[in-house]
N, C-alpha and C. Protein backbone atom coordinates (compact mmCIF):
# COMPACT_ATOMS: atom_id res chain seq x y z
N MET A 1 49.63 -0.80 12.00
CA MET A 1 48.68 -1.09 12.68
C MET A 1 47.64 -0.14 12.86
N THR A 2 47.95 1.31 13.05
CA THR A 2 47.05 2.26 13.41
C THR A 2 46.02 2.58 11.86
N ASN A 3 46.83 2.39 11.28
CA ASN A 3 45.84 2.68 10.06
C ASN A 3 44.77 1.87 9.70
N LYS A 4 45.10 0.12 10.09
CA LYS A 4 44.37 -0.71 9.78
C LYS A 4 42.93 -0.69 11.16
N LEU A 5 43.70 -0.36 12.29
CA LEU A 5 42.40 -0.12 13.31
C LEU A 5 41.51 1.25 13.07
N SER A 6 42.07 2.31 12.41
CA SER A 6 41.42 3.25 12.03
C SER A 6 40.63 2.83 11.28
N PHE A 7 40.81 2.38 10.04
CA PHE A 7 39.99 1.38 8.77
C PHE A 7 38.83 0.89 9.33
N LEU A 8 39.41 -0.16 10.61
CA LEU A 8 38.16 -0.55 10.97
C LEU A 8 37.10 0.04 11.82
N VAL A 9 37.70 1.29 12.39
CA VAL A 9 36.70 1.57 13.26
C VAL A 9 35.64 2.79 12.23
N ILE A 10 36.28 2.85 11.32
CA ILE A 10 35.68 4.03 10.37
C ILE A 10 34.44 3.01 9.69
N LEU A 11 35.07 1.55 9.32
CA LEU A 11 34.08 0.62 8.75
C LEU A 11 32.82 0.62 9.33
N GLY A 12 33.00 0.37 11.03
CA GLY A 12 32.18 0.04 11.92
C GLY A 12 31.14 1.22 11.97
N LEU A 13 31.62 2.46 11.94
CA LEU A 13 30.76 3.82 12.14
C LEU A 13 30.07 3.71 10.93
N PHE A 14 30.44 3.31 9.68
CA PHE A 14 29.87 3.24 8.67
C PHE A 14 28.75 2.21 8.43
N ALA A 15 29.09 1.22 8.86
CA ALA A 15 27.98 -0.03 9.02
C ALA A 15 26.99 0.56 9.94
N ALA A 16 27.32 0.88 11.37
CA ALA A 16 26.11 1.50 12.10
C ALA A 16 25.05 2.40 11.41
N LEU A 17 25.84 3.36 10.80
CA LEU A 17 25.23 4.38 10.25
C LEU A 17 24.13 4.07 9.11
N SER A 18 24.69 3.12 8.51
CA SER A 18 23.93 2.52 7.54
C SER A 18 22.42 1.80 7.88
N GLY A 19 22.74 0.83 9.24
CA GLY A 19 21.62 0.50 9.88
C GLY A 19 20.76 1.35 10.28
N CYS A 20 21.14 2.44 10.88
CA CYS A 20 20.17 3.28 11.24
C CYS A 20 19.45 3.98 10.18
N ALA A 21 20.04 4.43 9.21
CA ALA A 21 19.42 4.68 7.65
C ALA A 21 18.28 4.04 7.38
N GLY A 22 18.69 2.64 7.23
CA GLY A 22 17.46 1.38 6.89
C GLY A 22 16.34 1.55 8.01
N PHE A 23 16.64 1.80 8.91
CA PHE A 23 15.66 1.78 10.03
C PHE A 23 14.67 3.01 9.83
N LEU A 24 15.74 4.36 9.81
CA LEU A 24 15.26 4.99 9.35
C LEU A 24 13.87 5.37 8.36
N SER A 25 14.28 4.64 7.30
CA SER A 25 13.67 4.40 5.93
C SER A 25 12.49 3.71 6.38
N GLN A 26 12.54 2.56 6.96
CA GLN A 26 11.57 1.27 7.35
C GLN A 26 10.60 2.39 8.61
N ALA A 27 10.75 3.40 9.14
CA ALA A 27 9.88 4.00 10.05
C ALA A 27 8.91 4.86 9.03
N ARG A 28 9.66 5.34 8.02
CA ARG A 28 9.23 6.35 7.02
C ARG A 28 8.34 5.51 6.43
N LEU A 29 8.67 4.43 6.17
CA LEU A 29 7.57 3.62 5.19
C LEU A 29 6.37 3.08 5.79
N ASN A 30 6.57 2.82 7.04
CA ASN A 30 5.68 2.47 8.22
C ASN A 30 4.67 4.21 8.05
N GLN A 31 5.21 5.02 8.29
CA GLN A 31 4.41 6.11 8.29
C GLN A 31 3.33 6.54 7.16
N LEU A 32 4.16 6.26 6.04
CA LEU A 32 3.42 6.56 5.04
C LEU A 32 2.29 5.75 4.46
N ASN A 33 2.68 4.32 4.95
CA ASN A 33 1.18 3.01 4.85
C ASN A 33 0.49 3.73 5.52
N GLN A 34 0.55 4.11 7.02
CA GLN A 34 -0.52 4.42 7.73
C GLN A 34 -1.15 5.57 7.25
N GLN A 35 -0.74 6.76 6.79
CA GLN A 35 -1.13 7.89 6.26
C GLN A 35 -1.86 7.40 5.06
N PHE A 36 -1.66 6.63 4.13
CA PHE A 36 -2.02 6.12 3.11
C PHE A 36 -3.39 5.33 3.04
N LEU A 37 -3.20 4.46 3.99
CA LEU A 37 -4.34 3.74 4.46
C LEU A 37 -5.77 4.47 5.44
N THR A 38 -4.89 5.65 5.82
CA THR A 38 -6.15 6.48 6.58
C THR A 38 -6.72 7.46 5.34
N ALA A 39 -5.86 7.57 4.60
CA ALA A 39 -6.68 8.55 3.67
C ALA A 39 -7.72 7.81 2.88
N ALA A 40 -7.27 6.62 2.65
CA ALA A 40 -8.08 5.87 1.61
C ALA A 40 -9.39 5.58 2.41
N GLN A 41 -9.10 5.45 3.91
CA GLN A 41 -10.62 5.07 4.53
C GLN A 41 -11.64 6.09 4.54
N SER A 42 -10.71 7.35 4.41
CA SER A 42 -11.30 8.27 4.71
C SER A 42 -11.92 9.30 3.09
N GLY A 43 -11.46 8.57 2.17
CA GLY A 43 -12.01 8.83 0.90
C GLY A 43 -11.41 10.28 0.25
N GLN A 44 -9.83 10.19 0.94
CA GLN A 44 -9.13 11.35 0.36
C GLN A 44 -8.37 11.00 -0.65
N TRP A 45 -8.85 10.89 -2.13
CA TRP A 45 -8.46 10.09 -2.90
C TRP A 45 -7.17 11.00 -3.61
N ALA A 46 -6.71 11.99 -3.36
CA ALA A 46 -5.98 13.05 -4.02
C ALA A 46 -4.43 12.61 -2.83
N GLU A 47 -4.71 12.56 -1.75
CA GLU A 47 -3.90 12.37 -0.99
C GLU A 47 -3.31 10.65 -1.07
N VAL A 48 -4.12 10.04 -1.57
CA VAL A 48 -3.89 8.49 -1.78
C VAL A 48 -2.74 8.16 -2.74
N GLN A 49 -3.18 9.14 -4.09
CA GLN A 49 -2.26 9.07 -4.80
C GLN A 49 -1.09 10.12 -5.03
N SER A 50 -1.05 11.06 -3.85
CA SER A 50 0.19 11.30 -3.28
C SER A 50 1.18 10.61 -2.98
N LEU A 51 0.76 10.12 -1.89
CA LEU A 51 1.62 9.50 -1.07
C LEU A 51 1.68 7.76 -1.95
N ILE A 52 1.29 7.21 -2.44
CA ILE A 52 1.46 6.46 -3.58
C ILE A 52 2.85 6.94 -4.42
N LYS A 53 2.98 7.88 -4.76
CA LYS A 53 3.96 8.95 -5.63
C LYS A 53 4.92 9.05 -4.43
N GLU A 54 5.09 8.90 -3.23
CA GLU A 54 5.84 9.05 -2.26
C GLU A 54 6.58 8.12 -1.79
N GLY A 55 6.01 6.84 -2.24
CA GLY A 55 6.54 5.53 -1.89
C GLY A 55 5.94 4.83 -1.17
N ALA A 56 4.37 5.11 -0.62
CA ALA A 56 3.70 4.15 0.01
C ALA A 56 3.35 2.89 -0.69
N ASN A 57 3.49 1.51 0.09
CA ASN A 57 2.81 0.29 -0.56
C ASN A 57 1.66 0.05 -0.92
N ILE A 58 1.49 0.07 -2.25
CA ILE A 58 0.10 0.36 -3.12
C ILE A 58 -0.57 -1.18 -2.29
N ASN A 59 -0.12 -2.09 -1.98
CA ASN A 59 -1.09 -3.57 -1.10
C ASN A 59 -0.74 -3.13 0.51
N ALA A 60 -0.69 -2.21 1.02
CA ALA A 60 -0.40 -2.11 2.07
C ALA A 60 -1.87 -2.27 2.87
N GLN A 61 -1.72 -3.25 4.08
CA GLN A 61 -3.07 -3.32 4.77
C GLN A 61 -3.21 -3.39 5.75
N ASN A 62 -4.36 -2.92 6.47
CA ASN A 62 -4.62 -2.10 7.61
C ASN A 62 -4.78 -3.80 8.63
N ALA A 63 -4.96 -3.41 9.98
CA ALA A 63 -4.97 -4.56 11.31
C ALA A 63 -6.03 -5.36 10.66
N GLN A 64 -7.01 -5.07 10.00
CA GLN A 64 -8.09 -5.94 9.43
C GLN A 64 -8.11 -6.50 7.87
N GLY A 65 -6.78 -6.42 7.31
CA GLY A 65 -6.52 -6.94 6.11
C GLY A 65 -7.19 -5.71 4.78
N GLN A 66 -7.44 -4.79 5.23
CA GLN A 66 -7.91 -3.87 4.07
C GLN A 66 -7.28 -3.03 3.51
N THR A 67 -7.09 -3.35 2.40
CA THR A 67 -6.14 -2.16 1.36
C THR A 67 -7.05 -0.50 0.85
N ALA A 68 -6.25 -0.01 0.26
CA ALA A 68 -6.84 1.41 -0.51
C ALA A 68 -7.64 0.96 -1.35
N LEU A 69 -7.25 -0.09 -2.35
CA LEU A 69 -8.18 -0.70 -3.50
C LEU A 69 -9.37 -0.89 -2.78
N TYR A 70 -9.36 -1.91 -1.58
CA TYR A 70 -10.62 -2.16 -0.96
C TYR A 70 -11.64 -1.14 -0.73
N TRP A 71 -11.11 0.34 -0.03
CA TRP A 71 -11.82 1.23 0.20
C TRP A 71 -12.46 2.30 -0.86
N ALA A 72 -11.28 1.97 -1.88
CA ALA A 72 -11.85 2.90 -3.32
C ALA A 72 -13.01 2.28 -3.56
N ALA A 73 -13.13 0.93 -3.93
CA ALA A 73 -14.03 -0.05 -4.09
C ALA A 73 -15.22 0.21 -3.57
N ASP A 74 -15.42 0.03 -2.01
CA ASP A 74 -16.40 0.17 -1.38
C ASP A 74 -17.00 1.34 -1.56
N LYS A 75 -16.44 2.67 -1.75
CA LYS A 75 -16.74 3.95 -1.85
C LYS A 75 -17.33 4.26 -3.12
N GLY A 76 -16.74 3.56 -4.03
CA GLY A 76 -17.55 3.72 -5.32
C GLY A 76 -16.41 5.09 -6.03
N SER A 77 -15.38 4.94 -5.97
CA SER A 77 -14.32 5.93 -6.59
C SER A 77 -13.68 4.86 -7.69
N GLU A 78 -14.47 5.43 -8.93
CA GLU A 78 -14.06 4.57 -10.05
C GLU A 78 -12.36 4.92 -10.34
N GLU A 79 -12.64 6.58 -10.47
CA GLU A 79 -10.92 6.66 -10.64
C GLU A 79 -9.86 6.55 -9.83
N THR A 80 -10.17 6.25 -8.80
CA THR A 80 -9.08 5.73 -7.54
C THR A 80 -8.71 4.14 -7.86
N VAL A 81 -9.87 3.57 -8.12
CA VAL A 81 -9.87 2.14 -8.39
C VAL A 81 -8.89 2.30 -9.52
N LYS A 82 -8.95 2.68 -10.51
CA LYS A 82 -8.30 2.49 -11.55
C LYS A 82 -6.89 3.03 -11.76
N PHE A 83 -6.62 3.99 -10.58
CA PHE A 83 -5.28 4.49 -10.44
C PHE A 83 -4.47 3.44 -9.50
N LEU A 84 -5.04 2.90 -8.86
CA LEU A 84 -4.67 1.86 -7.65
C LEU A 84 -4.16 0.75 -8.72
N VAL A 85 -4.94 0.28 -9.43
CA VAL A 85 -4.86 -1.04 -10.20
C VAL A 85 -3.68 -1.27 -11.30
N GLY A 86 -4.12 0.47 -11.89
CA GLY A 86 -2.81 0.99 -12.85
C GLY A 86 -1.25 0.91 -12.47
N HIS A 87 -1.36 1.25 -10.60
CA HIS A 87 -0.04 1.23 -10.01
C HIS A 87 0.40 -0.26 -9.67
N GLY A 88 -0.77 -1.09 -9.95
CA GLY A 88 0.08 -2.40 -9.44
C GLY A 88 -0.72 -3.20 -8.43
N ALA A 89 -1.61 -2.34 -7.84
CA ALA A 89 -2.70 -3.06 -6.42
C ALA A 89 -3.27 -4.39 -7.02
N ASN A 90 -2.91 -5.57 -5.83
CA ASN A 90 -3.47 -6.52 -6.08
C ASN A 90 -4.89 -6.62 -6.01
N VAL A 91 -5.62 -7.25 -7.02
CA VAL A 91 -7.21 -6.88 -6.99
C VAL A 91 -7.82 -8.03 -6.21
N ASN A 92 -7.18 -9.35 -5.81
CA ASN A 92 -7.67 -10.01 -4.94
C ASN A 92 -7.10 -10.48 -3.61
N LEU A 93 -6.32 -9.30 -2.83
CA LEU A 93 -6.32 -9.35 -1.59
C LEU A 93 -7.48 -9.03 -1.18
N ALA A 94 -7.71 -10.34 -0.16
CA ALA A 94 -9.13 -10.04 0.93
C ALA A 94 -8.60 -9.83 2.20
N ASP A 95 -9.43 -8.92 2.97
CA ASP A 95 -9.53 -8.54 4.23
C ASP A 95 -9.67 -9.95 5.04
N GLN A 96 -9.44 -9.80 6.60
CA GLN A 96 -9.52 -10.70 7.32
C GLN A 96 -11.01 -11.55 7.37
N ASP A 97 -12.20 -10.95 6.86
CA ASP A 97 -13.28 -11.71 6.77
C ASP A 97 -13.51 -12.43 5.28
N GLY A 98 -12.74 -12.36 4.52
CA GLY A 98 -12.58 -12.98 3.08
C GLY A 98 -13.07 -11.78 2.26
N GLN A 99 -13.02 -10.30 2.64
CA GLN A 99 -14.02 -9.80 1.63
C GLN A 99 -12.77 -9.12 0.77
N THR A 100 -12.86 -9.26 -0.64
CA THR A 100 -12.30 -8.07 -1.55
C THR A 100 -12.71 -7.41 -2.13
N PRO A 101 -12.19 -6.50 -3.06
CA PRO A 101 -12.22 -5.03 -3.58
C PRO A 101 -13.76 -5.53 -4.41
N LEU A 102 -13.40 -6.64 -5.01
CA LEU A 102 -14.60 -7.05 -5.82
C LEU A 102 -16.04 -7.38 -5.22
N ASP A 103 -15.53 -7.98 -4.18
CA ASP A 103 -16.87 -8.14 -3.21
C ASP A 103 -17.55 -6.78 -2.71
N ARG A 104 -16.74 -6.04 -2.30
CA ARG A 104 -17.28 -4.52 -1.97
C ARG A 104 -17.79 -3.41 -2.98
N ALA A 105 -17.37 -3.94 -4.01
CA ALA A 105 -18.11 -3.15 -5.12
C ALA A 105 -19.44 -3.94 -5.46
N ALA A 106 -19.52 -5.09 -5.66
CA ALA A 106 -20.49 -5.68 -5.89
C ALA A 106 -21.60 -5.46 -4.77
N LEU A 107 -21.10 -5.61 -3.32
CA LEU A 107 -22.26 -5.27 -2.26
C LEU A 107 -23.00 -3.99 -2.39
N ARG A 108 -21.95 -2.90 -2.93
CA ARG A 108 -22.87 -1.66 -3.33
C ARG A 108 -23.11 -1.38 -4.69
N SER A 109 -23.24 -2.34 -5.42
CA SER A 109 -23.96 -2.20 -6.93
C SER A 109 -22.98 -1.06 -7.59
N PHE A 110 -21.50 -1.11 -7.45
CA PHE A 110 -21.03 -0.20 -8.28
C PHE A 110 -20.51 -0.84 -9.61
N LEU A 111 -21.31 -1.03 -10.29
CA LEU A 111 -21.27 -2.43 -11.50
C LEU A 111 -19.79 -2.09 -12.42
N ASP A 112 -19.52 -0.70 -12.70
CA ASP A 112 -18.46 -0.41 -13.48
C ASP A 112 -17.27 -0.68 -12.76
N ILE A 113 -17.39 -0.66 -11.61
CA ILE A 113 -16.11 -1.23 -10.77
C ILE A 113 -15.55 -2.47 -10.87
N VAL A 114 -16.94 -3.26 -10.67
CA VAL A 114 -16.85 -4.43 -10.77
C VAL A 114 -16.96 -5.27 -11.93
N GLU A 115 -17.02 -4.59 -13.08
CA GLU A 115 -16.39 -5.22 -14.85
C GLU A 115 -15.20 -4.82 -14.62
N PHE A 116 -14.58 -3.45 -13.98
CA PHE A 116 -13.31 -3.16 -14.46
C PHE A 116 -12.54 -4.12 -13.27
N LEU A 117 -12.73 -4.66 -12.50
CA LEU A 117 -11.77 -5.20 -11.54
C LEU A 117 -11.95 -6.77 -12.13
N VAL A 118 -13.00 -7.01 -12.85
CA VAL A 118 -13.02 -8.39 -13.06
C VAL A 118 -12.24 -8.73 -14.37
N ARG A 119 -12.17 -7.49 -15.55
CA ARG A 119 -11.31 -7.44 -16.37
C ARG A 119 -9.99 -7.10 -16.30
N ASN A 120 -9.63 -6.91 -14.93
CA ASN A 120 -7.89 -6.63 -14.51
C ASN A 120 -7.66 -7.67 -13.29
N GLY A 121 -8.61 -9.05 -13.52
CA GLY A 121 -8.01 -10.06 -12.72
C GLY A 121 -8.57 -10.74 -11.73
N ALA A 122 -9.68 -9.69 -11.24
CA ALA A 122 -10.48 -10.08 -9.82
C ALA A 122 -11.03 -11.44 -10.38
N SER A 123 -11.01 -12.13 -9.18
CA SER A 123 -11.87 -13.70 -8.85
C SER A 123 -12.91 -13.33 -8.06
N ALA A 124 -14.05 -14.02 -8.79
CA ALA A 124 -15.15 -14.30 -7.51
C ALA A 124 -14.99 -15.50 -6.93
N ASN A 125 -14.11 -16.27 -7.19
CA ASN A 125 -13.94 -17.41 -6.22
C ASN A 125 -13.11 -17.20 -5.21
N ASN A 126 -12.92 -16.45 -4.22
CA ASN A 126 -12.12 -16.39 -3.22
C ASN A 126 -12.77 -17.12 -2.12
């Protein structure tokens, strides 16, 4: 009976520790996503790329629904737009006002970005 009780205690500790590890992983992911969105909004494109490689969610949205792709398109960073789309960014995610990366690029007359986004599935009919 003692062996069975010891096994259950060890199993319980393992489960508890696994749960904590999952929580820490989620906390780290939240931190990465926040840093990622801040870097994108600030135009720190090397940092954006680095944080994606570290595991940030490429489609993370801030409280207004804006994504890194939204900011890259808004600021005219064609290289970053291509990087983000090439790594799976959703070209049609809209912010809370319905603005998409395509809308932002068009508003700012970044025609190469507009063309690239349309070629990669961006819809003008949101």
